[in-house]
Amino acid sequence: MVKIIAQFFIKEDRLDEAISLGKELLIESKKEDGCLNFEFYQDEQNKTHLIFIEEWNSELDLMHHFVTPHFTNFVIKIDKLKSKERIIESFTKII
């Protein structure tokens, strides 16, 4: 299993748009084969800090996700809304 923690930092005046894009990504990603879990969070202290926590069955499933139209569309659009660079971390389950 692969777990992804993806953090996005959004311009305050573009936050509603970013949340809408995130919801669309979540809905479509959950339909993918190999997606075990896909959650979307907003930092309680900093509302412009959005986080996805994802679980994928395998690295291959994750690689497939990266080329889907809903993912590539999200990346193009979210990059226009960011206030600073995103942080993406990938973890492999040990136990």
Protein backbone atom coordinates (compact mmCIF):
# COMPACT_ATOMS: atom_id res chain seq x y z
CA MET A 1 0.00 0.00 0.00
CA VAL A 2 1.12 3.55 -0.79
CA LYS A 3 0.01 6.57 1.23
CA ILE A 4 0.26 10.08 -0.16
CA ILE A 5 0.06 13.29 1.84
CA ALA A 6 -0.30 16.22 -0.55
CA GLN A 7 -0.29 19.73 0.88
CA PHE A 8 -1.40 22.81 -1.04
CA PHE A 9 -1.10 26.45 -0.02
CA ILE A 10 -3.71 28.60 -1.71
CA LYS A 11 -4.10 32.33 -2.27
CA GLU A 12 -6.78 33.53 0.13
CA ASP A 13 -8.93 35.10 -2.57
CA ARG A 14 -8.89 31.82 -4.58
CA LEU A 15 -9.75 29.46 -1.73
CA ASP A 16 -13.35 28.70 -2.78
CA GLU A 17 -12.17 27.78 -6.26
CA ALA A 18 -9.44 25.52 -4.86
CA ILE A 19 -11.89 23.73 -2.57
CA SER A 20 -14.24 23.14 -5.47
CA LEU A 21 -11.38 21.69 -7.55
CA GLY A 22 -10.36 19.49 -4.62
CA LYS A 23 -13.88 18.11 -4.22
CA GLU A 24 -14.01 17.24 -7.93
CA LEU A 25 -10.65 15.48 -7.69
CA LEU A 26 -11.77 13.50 -4.66
CA ILE A 27 -15.03 12.34 -6.30
CA GLU A 28 -13.31 11.16 -9.48
CA SER A 29 -10.26 9.64 -7.76
CA LYS A 30 -12.41 7.49 -5.48
CA LYS A 31 -13.85 5.83 -8.62
CA GLU A 32 -10.42 4.61 -9.72
CA ASP A 33 -9.33 1.00 -9.41
CA GLY A 34 -6.68 0.80 -6.72
CA CYS A 35 -7.88 3.82 -4.74
CA LEU A 36 -8.36 2.55 -1.20
CA ASN A 37 -9.05 5.92 0.42
CA PHE A 38 -9.01 9.57 -0.61
CA GLU A 39 -9.68 12.34 1.92
CA PHE A 40 -9.58 16.15 1.67
CA TYR A 41 -8.84 18.38 4.68
CA GLN A 42 -8.54 22.06 5.52
CA ASP A 43 -6.19 23.24 8.27
CA GLU A 44 -8.21 24.69 11.17
CA GLN A 45 -5.53 27.29 11.96
CA ASN A 46 -4.73 28.28 8.36
CA LYS A 47 -7.75 27.94 6.07
CA THR A 48 -5.58 28.37 2.96
CA HIS A 49 -3.68 25.15 3.75
CA LEU A 50 -5.43 22.19 2.08
CA ILE A 51 -4.36 18.56 2.42
CA PHE A 52 -5.18 15.35 0.61
CA ILE A 53 -4.49 12.04 2.33
CA GLU A 54 -4.65 9.19 -0.14
CA GLU A 55 -4.17 5.44 0.02
CA TRP A 56 -3.45 3.42 -3.09
CA ASN A 57 -3.23 -0.33 -3.43
CA SER A 58 0.07 -0.16 -5.32
CA GLU A 59 2.61 2.15 -6.90
CA LEU A 60 1.24 1.11 -10.30
CA ASP A 61 -2.26 2.27 -9.30
CA LEU A 62 -0.81 5.59 -8.18
CA MET A 63 1.09 5.99 -11.46
CA HIS A 64 -2.15 5.39 -13.35
CA HIS A 65 -3.86 8.06 -11.22
CA PHE A 66 -1.19 10.58 -12.23
CA VAL A 67 -2.19 10.35 -15.91
CA THR A 68 -5.97 10.48 -15.52
CA PRO A 69 -7.74 13.52 -17.01
CA HIS A 70 -9.19 14.57 -13.64
CA PHE A 71 -5.74 14.57 -12.01
CA THR A 72 -3.89 16.35 -14.82
CA ASN A 73 -6.69 18.95 -15.03
CA PHE A 74 -6.51 19.50 -11.26
CA VAL A 75 -2.73 20.04 -11.33
CA ILE A 76 -2.95 22.60 -14.14
CA LYS A 77 -5.72 24.57 -12.40
CA ILE A 78 -4.48 24.36 -8.80
CA ASP A 79 -1.03 25.63 -9.79
CA LYS A 80 -2.67 28.93 -10.79
CA LEU A 81 -4.19 29.29 -7.30
CA LYS A 82 -1.18 28.51 -5.11
CA SER A 83 0.54 30.96 -2.80
CA LYS A 84 3.63 28.74 -2.51
CA GLU A 85 4.91 25.39 -3.73
CA ARG A 86 3.01 22.25 -2.81
CA ILE A 87 4.51 19.51 -0.65
CA ILE A 88 3.94 15.91 -1.72
CA GLU A 89 5.08 13.04 0.48
CA SER A 90 4.83 9.34 -0.37
CA PHE A 91 4.94 6.52 2.16
CA THR A 92 4.97 2.74 1.82
CA LYS A 93 3.25 0.71 4.50
CA ILE A 94 5.63 -1.41 6.57
CA ILE A 95 3.14 -3.28 8.74
